[in-house]
Amino acid sequence: MRKFKIPSVPPTTNKCIRFPNDVIEQVEESIKGTNCTFTAFVIEAVRVALENLQEENEK
């Protein structure tokens, strides 16, 4: 399983997603003081989750 790390800003396309306020607060706290946007953090988290699901399905 790959370890999650805060990414730098990749090229992106806008998508509108609703997040619970507590999740937004936790993400913003996690990226405070880094060169990472909320969007980049969420994209990386989704990529890691998808890789984890793929690894589990391959077992």
PDB file of N, CA and C in Angstrom:
ATOM      1  N   MET A   1       0.841  -1.173   0.000  1.00  0.00           N
ATOM      2  CA  MET A   1       0.000   0.000   0.000  1.00  0.00           C
ATOM      3  C   MET A   1       0.886   1.236   0.000  1.00  0.00           C
ATOM      4  N   ARG A   2       0.566   2.185  -0.885  1.00  0.00           N
ATOM      5  CA  ARG A   2       1.335   3.411  -1.015  1.00  0.00           C
ATOM      6  C   ARG A   2       0.981   4.376   0.104  1.00  0.00           C
ATOM      7  N   LYS A   3       1.987   5.058   0.621  1.00  0.00           N
ATOM      8  CA  LYS A   3       1.780   6.035   1.689  1.00  0.00           C
ATOM      9  C   LYS A   3       1.304   7.359   1.093  1.00  0.00           C
ATOM     10  N   PHE A   4       0.317   7.982   1.733  1.00  0.00           N
ATOM     11  CA  PHE A   4      -0.194   9.269   1.290  1.00  0.00           C
ATOM     12  C   PHE A   4       0.806  10.370   1.623  1.00  0.00           C
ATOM     13  N   LYS A   5       1.070  11.246   0.643  1.00  0.00           N
ATOM     14  CA  LYS A   5       1.894  12.427   0.906  1.00  0.00           C
ATOM     15  C   LYS A   5       1.239  13.625   0.236  1.00  0.00           C
ATOM     16  N   ILE A   6       1.390  14.787   0.822  1.00  0.00           N
ATOM     17  CA  ILE A   6       0.769  16.001   0.303  1.00  0.00           C
ATOM     18  C   ILE A   6       1.460  16.382  -1.001  1.00  0.00           C
ATOM     19  N   PRO A   7       0.681  16.485  -2.088  1.00  0.00           N
ATOM     20  CA  PRO A   7       1.270  16.770  -3.405  1.00  0.00           C
ATOM     21  C   PRO A   7       1.427  18.260  -3.661  1.00  0.00           C
ATOM     22  N   SER A   8       2.231  18.612  -4.672  1.00  0.00           N
ATOM     23  CA  SER A   8       2.263  19.989  -5.153  1.00  0.00           C
ATOM     24  C   SER A   8       1.102  20.143  -6.144  1.00  0.00           C
ATOM     25  N   VAL A   9       0.870  21.338  -6.613  1.00  0.00           N
ATOM     26  CA  VAL A   9      -0.300  21.612  -7.444  1.00  0.00           C
ATOM     27  C   VAL A   9      -0.123  21.058  -8.857  1.00  0.00           C
ATOM     28  N   PRO A  10      -0.946  20.042  -9.259  1.00  0.00           N
ATOM     29  CA  PRO A  10      -0.904  19.526 -10.628  1.00  0.00           C
ATOM     30  C   PRO A  10      -1.897  20.286 -11.518  1.00  0.00           C
ATOM     31  N   PRO A  11      -1.802  20.141 -12.854  1.00  0.00           N
ATOM     32  CA  PRO A  11      -2.828  20.735 -13.711  1.00  0.00           C
ATOM     33  C   PRO A  11      -4.183  20.072 -13.394  1.00  0.00           C
ATOM     34  N   THR A  12      -5.253  20.857 -13.348  1.00  0.00           N
ATOM     35  CA  THR A  12      -6.559  20.318 -12.961  1.00  0.00           C
ATOM     36  C   THR A  12      -7.683  20.873 -13.826  1.00  0.00           C
ATOM     37  N   THR A  13      -8.843  20.236 -13.738  1.00  0.00           N
ATOM     38  CA  THR A  13     -10.090  20.710 -14.333  1.00  0.00           C
ATOM     39  C   THR A  13     -11.086  20.878 -13.201  1.00  0.00           C
ATOM     40  N   ASN A  14     -11.850  21.959 -13.203  1.00  0.00           N
ATOM     41  CA  ASN A  14     -12.797  22.219 -12.123  1.00  0.00           C
ATOM     42  C   ASN A  14     -13.946  21.219 -12.128  1.00  0.00           C
ATOM     43  N   LYS A  15     -14.286  20.728 -10.944  1.00  0.00           N
ATOM     44  CA  LYS A  15     -15.460  19.900 -10.688  1.00  0.00           C
ATOM     45  C   LYS A  15     -16.080  20.422  -9.407  1.00  0.00           C
ATOM     46  N   CYS A  16     -17.379  20.439  -9.343  1.00  0.00           N
ATOM     47  CA  CYS A  16     -18.056  20.921  -8.141  1.00  0.00           C
ATOM     48  C   CYS A  16     -18.472  19.721  -7.283  1.00  0.00           C
ATOM     49  N   ILE A  17     -17.953  19.660  -6.065  1.00  0.00           N
ATOM     50  CA  ILE A  17     -18.255  18.571  -5.135  1.00  0.00           C
ATOM     51  C   ILE A  17     -18.617  19.197  -3.792  1.00  0.00           C
ATOM     52  N   ARG A  18     -19.612  18.643  -3.133  1.00  0.00           N
ATOM     53  CA  ARG A  18     -19.971  19.108  -1.789  1.00  0.00           C
ATOM     54  C   ARG A  18     -19.268  18.225  -0.756  1.00  0.00           C
ATOM     55  N   PHE A  19     -18.624  18.872   0.214  1.00  0.00           N
ATOM     56  CA  PHE A  19     -17.938  18.173   1.289  1.00  0.00           C
ATOM     57  C   PHE A  19     -18.564  18.572   2.620  1.00  0.00           C
ATOM     58  N   PRO A  20     -18.611  17.652   3.576  1.00  0.00           N
ATOM     59  CA  PRO A  20     -19.039  18.039   4.923  1.00  0.00           C
ATOM     60  C   PRO A  20     -18.048  19.068   5.486  1.00  0.00           C
ATOM     61  N   ASN A  21     -18.563  20.014   6.252  1.00  0.00           N
ATOM     62  CA  ASN A  21     -17.710  21.080   6.797  1.00  0.00           C
ATOM     63  C   ASN A  21     -16.551  20.546   7.616  1.00  0.00           C
ATOM     64  N   ASP A  22     -16.769  19.470   8.382  1.00  0.00           N
ATOM     65  CA  ASP A  22     -15.689  18.942   9.209  1.00  0.00           C
ATOM     66  C   ASP A  22     -14.556  18.381   8.357  1.00  0.00           C
ATOM     67  N   VAL A  23     -14.892  17.802   7.199  1.00  0.00           N
ATOM     68  CA  VAL A  23     -13.854  17.281   6.303  1.00  0.00           C
ATOM     69  C   VAL A  23     -13.057  18.441   5.710  1.00  0.00           C
ATOM     70  N   ILE A  24     -13.735  19.481   5.303  1.00  0.00           N
ATOM     71  CA  ILE A  24     -13.052  20.665   4.767  1.00  0.00           C
ATOM     72  C   ILE A  24     -12.085  21.227   5.800  1.00  0.00           C
ATOM     73  N   GLU A  25     -12.535  21.352   7.027  1.00  0.00           N
ATOM     74  CA  GLU A  25     -11.674  21.888   8.093  1.00  0.00           C
ATOM     75  C   GLU A  25     -10.450  21.009   8.315  1.00  0.00           C
ATOM     76  N   GLN A  26     -10.627  19.686   8.300  1.00  0.00           N
ATOM     77  CA  GLN A  26      -9.504  18.773   8.518  1.00  0.00           C
ATOM     78  C   GLN A  26      -8.500  18.852   7.377  1.00  0.00           C
ATOM     79  N   VAL A  27      -8.993  18.924   6.142  1.00  0.00           N
ATOM     80  CA  VAL A  27      -8.089  19.036   4.991  1.00  0.00           C
ATOM     81  C   VAL A  27      -7.345  20.363   5.054  1.00  0.00           C
ATOM     82  N   GLU A  28      -8.053  21.450   5.286  1.00  0.00           N
ATOM     83  CA  GLU A  28      -7.399  22.762   5.337  1.00  0.00           C
ATOM     84  C   GLU A  28      -6.350  22.829   6.440  1.00  0.00           C
ATOM     85  N   GLU A  29      -6.609  22.198   7.564  1.00  0.00           N
ATOM     86  CA  GLU A  29      -5.626  22.150   8.646  1.00  0.00           C
ATOM     87  C   GLU A  29      -4.403  21.337   8.216  1.00  0.00           C
ATOM     88  N   SER A  30      -4.627  20.251   7.497  1.00  0.00           N
ATOM     89  CA  SER A  30      -3.535  19.373   7.054  1.00  0.00           C
ATOM     90  C   SER A  30      -2.620  20.045   6.038  1.00  0.00           C
ATOM     91  N   ILE A  31      -3.178  20.918   5.201  1.00  0.00           N
ATOM     92  CA  ILE A  31      -2.368  21.539   4.153  1.00  0.00           C
ATOM     93  C   ILE A  31      -1.833  22.916   4.546  1.00  0.00           C
ATOM     94  N   LYS A  32      -2.197  23.376   5.726  1.00  0.00           N
ATOM     95  CA  LYS A  32      -1.734  24.694   6.185  1.00  0.00           C
ATOM     96  C   LYS A  32      -0.206  24.728   6.183  1.00  0.00           C
ATOM     97  N   GLY A  33       0.355  25.763   5.585  1.00  0.00           N
ATOM     98  CA  GLY A  33       1.800  25.936   5.559  1.00  0.00           C
ATOM     99  C   GLY A  33       2.500  25.128   4.480  1.00  0.00           C
ATOM    100  N   THR A  34       1.738  24.488   3.605  1.00  0.00           N
ATOM    101  CA  THR A  34       2.322  23.712   2.506  1.00  0.00           C
ATOM    102  C   THR A  34       2.013  24.397   1.186  1.00  0.00           C
ATOM    103  N   ASN A  35       2.614  23.900   0.126  1.00  0.00           N
ATOM    104  CA  ASN A  35       2.341  24.397  -1.220  1.00  0.00           C
ATOM    105  C   ASN A  35       1.318  23.479  -1.884  1.00  0.00           C
ATOM    106  N   CYS A  36       0.202  23.256  -1.210  1.00  0.00           N
ATOM    107  CA  CYS A  36      -0.817  22.325  -1.684  1.00  0.00           C
ATOM    108  C   CYS A  36      -2.183  22.983  -1.584  1.00  0.00           C
ATOM    109  N   THR A  37      -2.977  22.813  -2.623  1.00  0.00           N
ATOM    110  CA  THR A  37      -4.341  23.319  -2.599  1.00  0.00           C
ATOM    111  C   THR A  37      -5.283  22.240  -2.080  1.00  0.00           C
ATOM    112  N   PHE A  38      -6.479  22.665  -1.707  1.00  0.00           N
ATOM    113  CA  PHE A  38      -7.514  21.720  -1.281  1.00  0.00           C
ATOM    114  C   PHE A  38      -7.762  20.701  -2.388  1.00  0.00           C
ATOM    115  N   THR A  39      -7.882  21.187  -3.614  1.00  0.00           N
ATOM    116  CA  THR A  39      -8.155  20.305  -4.748  1.00  0.00           C
ATOM    117  C   THR A  39      -7.044  19.286  -4.950  1.00  0.00           C
ATOM    118  N   ALA A  40      -5.794  19.722  -4.909  1.00  0.00           N
ATOM    119  CA  ALA A  40      -4.673  18.801  -5.102  1.00  0.00           C
ATOM    120  C   ALA A  40      -4.648  17.730  -4.013  1.00  0.00           C
ATOM    121  N   PHE A  41      -4.953  18.108  -2.786  1.00  0.00           N
ATOM    122  CA  PHE A  41      -4.997  17.162  -1.681  1.00  0.00           C
ATOM    123  C   PHE A  41      -6.065  16.107  -1.923  1.00  0.00           C
ATOM    124  N   VAL A  42      -7.267  16.552  -2.314  1.00  0.00           N
ATOM    125  CA  VAL A  42      -8.368  15.623  -2.544  1.00  0.00           C
ATOM    126  C   VAL A  42      -8.067  14.690  -3.722  1.00  0.00           C
ATOM    127  N   ILE A  43      -7.485  15.211  -4.782  1.00  0.00           N
ATOM    128  CA  ILE A  43      -7.130  14.378  -5.935  1.00  0.00           C
ATOM    129  C   ILE A  43      -6.144  13.294  -5.524  1.00  0.00           C
ATOM    130  N   GLU A  44      -5.131  13.659  -4.760  1.00  0.00           N
ATOM    131  CA  GLU A  44      -4.150  12.667  -4.321  1.00  0.00           C
ATOM    132  C   GLU A  44      -4.789  11.621  -3.416  1.00  0.00           C
ATOM    133  N   ALA A  45      -5.681  12.056  -2.533  1.00  0.00           N
ATOM    134  CA  ALA A  45      -6.374  11.116  -1.645  1.00  0.00           C
ATOM    135  C   ALA A  45      -7.216  10.134  -2.450  1.00  0.00           C
ATOM    136  N   VAL A  46      -7.899  10.626  -3.477  1.00  0.00           N
ATOM    137  CA  VAL A  46      -8.712   9.751  -4.331  1.00  0.00           C
ATOM    138  C   VAL A  46      -7.820   8.786  -5.111  1.00  0.00           C
ATOM    139  N   ARG A  47      -6.697   9.266  -5.624  1.00  0.00           N
ATOM    140  CA  ARG A  47      -5.771   8.368  -6.350  1.00  0.00           C
ATOM    141  C   ARG A  47      -5.273   7.239  -5.452  1.00  0.00           C
ATOM    142  N   VAL A  48      -4.886   7.582  -4.229  1.00  0.00           N
ATOM    143  CA  VAL A  48      -4.411   6.557  -3.290  1.00  0.00           C
ATOM    144  C   VAL A  48      -5.531   5.581  -2.971  1.00  0.00           C
ATOM    145  N   ALA A  49      -6.742   6.090  -2.747  1.00  0.00           N
ATOM    146  CA  ALA A  49      -7.886   5.215  -2.458  1.00  0.00           C
ATOM    147  C   ALA A  49      -8.162   4.276  -3.622  1.00  0.00           C
ATOM    148  N   LEU A  50      -8.104   4.782  -4.844  1.00  0.00           N
ATOM    149  CA  LEU A  50      -8.336   3.939  -6.022  1.00  0.00           C
ATOM    150  C   LEU A  50      -7.262   2.864  -6.162  1.00  0.00           C
ATOM    151  N   GLU A  51      -6.007   3.227  -5.915  1.00  0.00           N
ATOM    152  CA  GLU A  51      -4.924   2.231  -5.954  1.00  0.00           C
ATOM    153  C   GLU A  51      -5.129   1.161  -4.893  1.00  0.00           C
ATOM    154  N   ASN A  52      -5.539   1.571  -3.697  1.00  0.00           N
ATOM    155  CA  ASN A  52      -5.787   0.614  -2.619  1.00  0.00           C
ATOM    156  C   ASN A  52      -6.915  -0.338  -2.992  1.00  0.00           C
ATOM    157  N   LEU A  53      -7.988   0.188  -3.571  1.00  0.00           N
ATOM    158  CA  LEU A  53      -9.092  -0.667  -4.004  1.00  0.00           C
ATOM    159  C   LEU A  53      -8.650  -1.653  -5.077  1.00  0.00           C
ATOM    160  N   GLN A  54      -7.847  -1.168  -6.018  1.00  0.00           N
ATOM    161  CA  GLN A  54      -7.345  -2.045  -7.080  1.00  0.00           C
ATOM    162  C   GLN A  54      -6.479  -3.161  -6.491  1.00  0.00           C
ATOM    163  N   GLU A  55      -5.602  -2.823  -5.555  1.00  0.00           N
ATOM    164  CA  GLU A  55      -4.751  -3.831  -4.910  1.00  0.00           C
ATOM    165  C   GLU A  55      -5.602  -4.865  -4.177  1.00  0.00           C
ATOM    166  N   GLU A  56      -6.639  -4.413  -3.480  1.00  0.00           N
ATOM    167  CA  GLU A  56      -7.521  -5.336  -2.755  1.00  0.00           C
ATOM    168  C   GLU A  56      -8.262  -6.249  -3.721  1.00  0.00           C
ATOM    169  N   ASN A  57      -8.706  -5.721  -4.850  1.00  0.00           N
ATOM    170  CA  ASN A  57      -9.427  -6.527  -5.839  1.00  0.00           C
ATOM    171  C   ASN A  57      -8.528  -7.540  -6.537  1.00  0.00           C
ATOM    172  N   GLU A  58      -7.236  -7.270  -6.596  1.00  0.00           N
ATOM    173  CA  GLU A  58      -6.285  -8.173  -7.246  1.00  0.00           C
ATOM    174  C   GLU A  58      -5.904  -9.332  -6.350  1.00  0.00           C
ATOM    175  N   LYS A  59      -6.193  -9.237  -5.050  1.00  0.00           N
ATOM    176  CA  LYS A  59      -5.815 -10.306  -4.106  1.00  0.00           C
ATOM    177  C   LYS A  59      -6.743 -11.474  -4.205  1.00  0.00           C
TER     178      LYS A  59
END
